[in-house]
Protein backbone atom coordinates (compact mmCIF):
# COMPACT_ATOMS: atom_id res chain seq x y z
CA UNK A 1 -30.36 -71.21 -156.41
CA UNK A 2 -33.09 -73.25 -154.78
CA UNK A 3 -32.46 -76.97 -154.58
CA UNK A 4 -35.20 -79.48 -153.99
CA UNK A 5 -35.58 -83.19 -154.03
CA UNK A 6 -38.19 -85.90 -154.17
CA UNK A 7 -38.71 -88.98 -152.05
CA UNK A 8 -37.10 -92.37 -152.51
CA UNK A 9 -39.75 -93.44 -155.00
CA UNK A 10 -38.43 -90.99 -157.61
CA UNK A 11 -36.85 -92.67 -160.66
CA UNK A 12 -33.78 -90.42 -160.69
CA UNK A 13 -31.09 -89.08 -158.38
CA UNK A 14 -31.99 -86.60 -155.64
CA UNK A 15 -29.79 -83.96 -157.25
CA UNK A 16 -31.73 -84.16 -160.49
CA UNK A 17 -34.48 -81.71 -159.47
CA UNK A 18 -33.15 -78.16 -159.61
CA UNK A 19 -35.29 -75.04 -159.57
CA UNK A 20 -33.61 -71.76 -160.44
CA UNK A 21 -35.74 -68.69 -159.81
CA UNK A 22 -33.47 -65.95 -158.53
CA UNK A 23 -31.38 -65.09 -161.58
CA UNK A 24 -32.60 -63.89 -164.99
CA UNK A 25 -31.90 -66.10 -167.96
CA UNK A 26 -32.14 -66.00 -171.73
CA UNK A 27 -35.46 -67.59 -172.65
CA UNK A 28 -37.73 -67.73 -175.66
CA UNK A 29 -40.33 -66.25 -173.31
CA UNK A 30 -38.72 -62.82 -172.96
CA UNK A 31 -42.20 -61.29 -173.16
CA UNK A 32 -43.02 -63.10 -169.90
CA UNK A 33 -40.69 -60.79 -167.95
CA UNK A 34 -42.11 -60.42 -164.48
CA UNK A 35 -43.64 -63.90 -164.56
CA UNK A 36 -42.30 -66.49 -162.17
CA UNK A 37 -40.57 -69.57 -163.53
CA UNK A 38 -38.80 -72.65 -162.23
CA UNK A 39 -36.11 -74.59 -164.05
CA UNK A 40 -35.55 -78.35 -163.73
CA UNK A 41 -32.93 -80.87 -164.77
CA UNK A 42 -34.94 -83.72 -166.28
CA UNK A 43 -31.96 -86.02 -166.67
CA UNK A 44 -32.31 -85.56 -170.43
CA UNK A 45 -32.12 -81.81 -170.72
CA UNK A 46 -33.47 -78.74 -169.01
CA UNK A 47 -37.15 -77.94 -168.51
CA UNK A 48 -38.38 -74.43 -167.73
CA UNK A 49 -41.93 -73.98 -166.44
CA UNK A 50 -43.28 -70.43 -166.62
CA UNK A 51 -46.35 -69.60 -164.54
CA UNK A 52 -48.55 -67.21 -166.52
CA UNK A 53 -51.54 -67.21 -164.16
CA UNK A 54 -54.54 -69.29 -163.10
CA UNK A 55 -54.11 -72.54 -165.06
CA UNK A 56 -51.99 -71.13 -167.91
CA UNK A 57 -48.52 -72.67 -167.99
CA UNK A 58 -45.67 -72.86 -170.47
CA UNK A 59 -43.14 -75.68 -170.64
CA UNK A 60 -39.90 -75.11 -172.59
CA UNK A 61 -37.95 -78.27 -173.30
CA UNK A 62 -35.53 -79.32 -176.01
CA UNK A 63 -36.27 -76.22 -178.05
CA UNK A 64 -40.03 -76.87 -178.00
CA UNK A 65 -42.74 -74.63 -176.52
CA UNK A 66 -45.64 -76.44 -174.85
CA UNK A 67 -48.64 -74.42 -173.67
CA UNK A 68 -51.22 -75.69 -171.20
CA UNK A 69 -54.62 -73.97 -171.07
CA UNK A 70 -53.36 -70.71 -172.65
CA UNK A 71 -55.80 -67.85 -171.96
CA UNK A 72 -55.29 -64.25 -173.16
CA UNK A 73 -56.24 -62.80 -169.79
CA UNK A 74 -52.82 -63.88 -168.53
CA UNK A 75 -50.53 -63.04 -171.47
CA UNK A 76 -50.32 -61.43 -174.88
CA UNK A 77 -49.69 -64.57 -176.87
CA UNK A 78 -49.16 -62.69 -180.13
CA UNK A 79 -45.70 -61.87 -178.74
CA UNK A 80 -44.89 -65.38 -177.54
CA UNK A 81 -43.06 -68.16 -179.41
CA UNK A 82 -45.35 -70.28 -181.53
CA UNK A 83 -46.51 -73.50 -179.93
CA UNK A 84 -45.25 -76.94 -180.80
CA UNK A 85 -47.92 -78.47 -178.56
CA UNK A 86 -51.04 -77.05 -176.89
CA UNK A 87 -52.87 -79.01 -174.19
CA UNK A 88 -56.40 -78.01 -173.17
CA UNK A 89 -58.02 -79.64 -170.16
CA UNK A 90 -61.67 -78.75 -170.77
CA UNK A 91 -64.14 -76.43 -172.44
CA UNK A 92 -64.56 -73.62 -169.87
CA UNK A 93 -63.43 -70.18 -171.01
CA UNK A 94 -60.69 -69.89 -168.40
CA UNK A 95 -59.07 -72.98 -169.95
CA UNK A 96 -60.14 -73.02 -173.60
CA UNK A 97 -59.48 -69.70 -175.37
CA UNK A 98 -59.73 -69.94 -179.18
CA UNK A 99 -58.07 -66.54 -179.57
CA UNK A 100 -55.01 -67.60 -177.60
CA UNK A 101 -54.76 -70.81 -179.59
CA UNK A 102 -55.05 -68.91 -182.88
CA UNK A 103 -52.22 -66.59 -181.81
CA UNK A 104 -49.96 -69.51 -180.90
CA UNK A 105 -50.62 -71.86 -183.80
CA UNK A 106 -48.24 -72.67 -186.60
CA UNK A 107 -48.65 -75.27 -189.33
CA UNK A 108 -47.09 -78.04 -187.25
CA UNK A 109 -48.76 -77.25 -183.90
CA UNK A 110 -50.56 -80.19 -182.31
CA UNK A 111 -53.61 -79.34 -180.19
CA UNK A 112 -54.65 -82.00 -177.69
CA UNK A 113 -57.95 -81.77 -175.77
CA UNK A 114 -60.98 -83.74 -174.69
CA UNK A 115 -63.79 -84.41 -177.14
CA UNK A 116 -66.21 -81.73 -175.89
CA UNK A 117 -63.45 -79.12 -176.18
CA UNK A 118 -62.53 -80.35 -179.67
CA UNK A 119 -66.12 -79.88 -180.77
CA UNK A 120 -66.25 -76.41 -179.27
CA UNK A 121 -62.93 -75.32 -180.79
CA UNK A 122 -63.59 -77.02 -184.12
CA UNK A 123 -60.10 -78.49 -184.42
CA UNK A 124 -57.47 -80.51 -182.60
CA UNK A 125 -57.07 -84.14 -181.51
CA UNK A 126 -59.28 -85.60 -178.80
CA UNK A 127 -57.28 -87.71 -176.36
CA UNK A 128 -59.29 -90.22 -174.36
CA UNK A 129 -58.53 -91.11 -170.77
CA UNK A 130 -55.66 -93.58 -170.29
CA UNK A 131 -54.44 -92.98 -173.84
CA UNK A 132 -51.04 -91.43 -174.62
CA UNK A 133 -49.40 -89.51 -177.45
CA UNK A 134 -45.83 -88.45 -178.18
CA UNK A 135 -45.35 -84.84 -179.29
CA UNK A 136 -42.80 -82.02 -178.93
CA UNK A 137 -40.31 -84.37 -177.31
CA UNK A 138 -42.61 -85.41 -174.44
CA UNK A 139 -45.20 -88.09 -173.70
CA UNK A 140 -48.72 -87.01 -172.75
CA UNK A 141 -51.31 -89.23 -171.08
CA UNK A 142 -54.89 -88.09 -170.47
CA UNK A 143 -56.42 -88.88 -167.08
CA UNK A 144 -59.90 -88.14 -165.67
CA UNK A 145 -60.80 -84.78 -164.13
CA UNK A 146 -64.20 -84.28 -162.54
CA UNK A 147 -66.14 -83.11 -159.49
CA UNK A 148 -67.22 -85.77 -157.04
CA UNK A 149 -68.73 -83.86 -154.09
CA UNK A 150 -72.48 -83.74 -153.60
CA UNK A 151 -73.99 -80.66 -155.22
CA UNK A 152 -70.87 -79.85 -157.25
CA UNK A 153 -70.90 -82.50 -159.97
CA UNK A 154 -72.46 -80.11 -162.48
CA UNK A 155 -69.34 -77.93 -162.60
CA UNK A 156 -67.18 -80.65 -164.11
CA UNK A 157 -69.36 -83.70 -164.70
CA UNK A 158 -67.64 -87.05 -164.96
CA UNK A 159 -69.55 -87.96 -168.12
CA UNK A 160 -68.07 -84.97 -170.02
CA UNK A 161 -64.67 -86.64 -169.69
CA UNK A 162 -62.55 -83.57 -169.00
CA UNK A 163 -58.81 -84.19 -169.04
CA UNK A 164 -55.96 -83.90 -166.66
CA UNK A 165 -52.56 -84.72 -168.14
CA UNK A 166 -49.50 -86.66 -167.04
CA UNK A 167 -46.62 -85.21 -169.04
CA UNK A 168 -43.37 -87.16 -169.10
CA UNK A 169 -40.44 -84.83 -169.75
CA UNK A 170 -37.14 -86.68 -169.71
CA UNK A 171 -37.13 -88.55 -166.40
CA UNK A 172 -39.83 -86.38 -164.81
CA UNK A 173 -43.55 -87.23 -164.63
CA UNK A 174 -45.62 -84.09 -164.22
CA UNK A 175 -49.33 -84.17 -163.37
CA UNK A 176 -51.39 -81.16 -164.45
CA UNK A 177 -54.77 -81.95 -162.96
CA UNK A 178 -57.12 -79.54 -164.73
CA UNK A 179 -60.34 -78.83 -162.82
CA UNK A 180 -61.01 -81.77 -160.55
CA UNK A 181 -61.59 -82.99 -157.04
CA UNK A 182 -59.90 -86.07 -155.54
CA UNK A 183 -60.70 -89.11 -157.66
CA UNK A 184 -60.06 -92.84 -157.24
CA UNK A 185 -57.98 -92.71 -160.42
CA UNK A 186 -55.31 -90.64 -158.63
CA UNK A 187 -54.24 -93.69 -156.65
CA UNK A 188 -53.39 -95.50 -159.88
CA UNK A 189 -51.18 -92.84 -161.49
CA UNK A 190 -47.88 -94.21 -160.30
CA UNK A 191 -44.89 -92.07 -159.41
CA UNK A 192 -45.46 -88.32 -159.85
CA UNK A 193 -42.55 -85.93 -159.46
CA UNK A 194 -44.39 -82.60 -159.89
CA UNK A 195 -48.13 -81.99 -159.45
CA UNK A 196 -50.33 -79.01 -160.21
CA UNK A 197 -53.56 -79.32 -158.18
CA UNK A 198 -56.46 -76.83 -158.40
CA UNK A 199 -57.82 -75.29 -155.22
CA UNK A 200 -60.82 -72.99 -155.29
CA UNK A 201 -64.44 -73.32 -154.28
CA UNK A 202 -66.96 -74.15 -155.44
CA UNK A 203 -65.42 -75.33 -158.68
CA UNK A 204 -62.49 -77.51 -157.67
CA UNK A 205 -60.84 -78.51 -154.37
CA UNK A 206 -60.75 -77.20 -150.84
CA UNK A 207 -57.30 -77.00 -149.18
CA UNK A 208 -58.25 -80.13 -147.27
CA UNK A 209 -59.03 -81.96 -150.50
CA UNK A 210 -55.77 -80.83 -152.09
CA UNK A 211 -53.89 -82.09 -149.03
CA UNK A 212 -55.69 -85.44 -149.29
CA UNK A 213 -54.95 -85.68 -153.01
CA UNK A 214 -51.30 -84.85 -152.38
CA UNK A 215 -51.10 -87.56 -149.72
CA UNK A 216 -52.43 -90.02 -152.31
CA UNK A 217 -50.24 -88.88 -155.21
CA UNK A 218 -47.18 -88.01 -153.11
CA UNK A 219 -45.49 -85.68 -155.59
CA UNK A 220 -41.97 -84.47 -154.88
CA UNK A 221 -43.12 -80.92 -155.66
CA UNK A 222 -46.67 -79.63 -155.29
CA UNK A 223 -47.88 -76.44 -156.93
CA UNK A 224 -51.38 -75.31 -155.92
CA UNK A 225 -52.85 -73.57 -158.95
CA UNK A 226 -56.15 -72.08 -160.14
CA UNK A 227 -56.62 -71.04 -156.50
CA UNK A 228 -58.35 -67.64 -156.74
CA UNK A 229 -58.72 -66.18 -153.25
CA UNK A 230 -58.32 -69.53 -151.47
CA UNK A 231 -55.78 -69.42 -148.65
CA UNK A 232 -52.68 -71.26 -149.83
CA UNK A 233 -51.24 -70.87 -146.33
CA UNK A 234 -53.83 -73.32 -145.01
CA UNK A 235 -52.63 -75.95 -147.47
CA UNK A 236 -49.06 -75.37 -146.34
CA UNK A 237 -50.14 -75.91 -142.72
CA UNK A 238 -52.09 -79.05 -143.57
CA UNK A 239 -49.03 -80.62 -145.20
CA UNK A 240 -46.43 -79.18 -142.84
CA UNK A 241 -45.65 -82.56 -141.29
CA UNK A 242 -45.77 -84.49 -144.56
CA UNK A 243 -42.29 -85.72 -145.53
CA UNK A 244 -41.09 -85.52 -149.11
CA UNK A 245 -43.63 -83.00 -150.48
CA UNK A 246 -42.18 -79.58 -151.34
CA UNK A 247 -45.06 -77.07 -151.61
CA UNK A 248 -44.35 -74.15 -153.91
CA UNK A 249 -46.78 -71.25 -154.19
CA UNK A 250 -46.51 -69.21 -157.39
CA UNK A 251 -48.68 -66.46 -158.88
CA UNK A 252 -51.39 -68.77 -160.16
CA UNK A 253 -54.58 -67.21 -158.81
């Protein structure tokens, strides 16, 4: 058992964050055998996050299956539980995969994305920045995701309005950033317990930028994701003296 905690700003007791990764468990995601997962006490039930690869994640909570940027390169979704909620950050093929969505859909599945992705997919609900929805037992707020460095804005232009998401699961607020660099909006997000921040050039952040974003957001747990061949060890070194941020590296190249 691995125990972790967040800083004093967290809205729940220190003992409330538990990650269990050593022992096997009965999960709806039996097909994901060999994939890493962490388990958390949200104060209102258990959350399991399974790391499929790159930016593809699965949240299991309260009997619901929530998929974030599901892409078939990282899993055979025809063998996975059907989705109650699918979140797509933006229109690039390593985030928006119509085949994966088709495999996961059932009649009641809600698909949340930004407007350009909705047009490309031909279905779903566009969620604008700073707007929220309730679905699958969680709250989801869309926040901006874009490149801001000179010469890189074309990868994820601000005007396309790509989404990151703040997902409130029980007492936990989880930030899944999508493809972005540090933005002024990060300073206005409020308390974040768990953050997924992308780290690969030239498309998203350098380790230095992830460290800077983490120092702004100050999550209790930081997962670098979408990191390709970028050295996650450098990020760990950059934040080595930073109190209250637990860096966890999973198989999310």
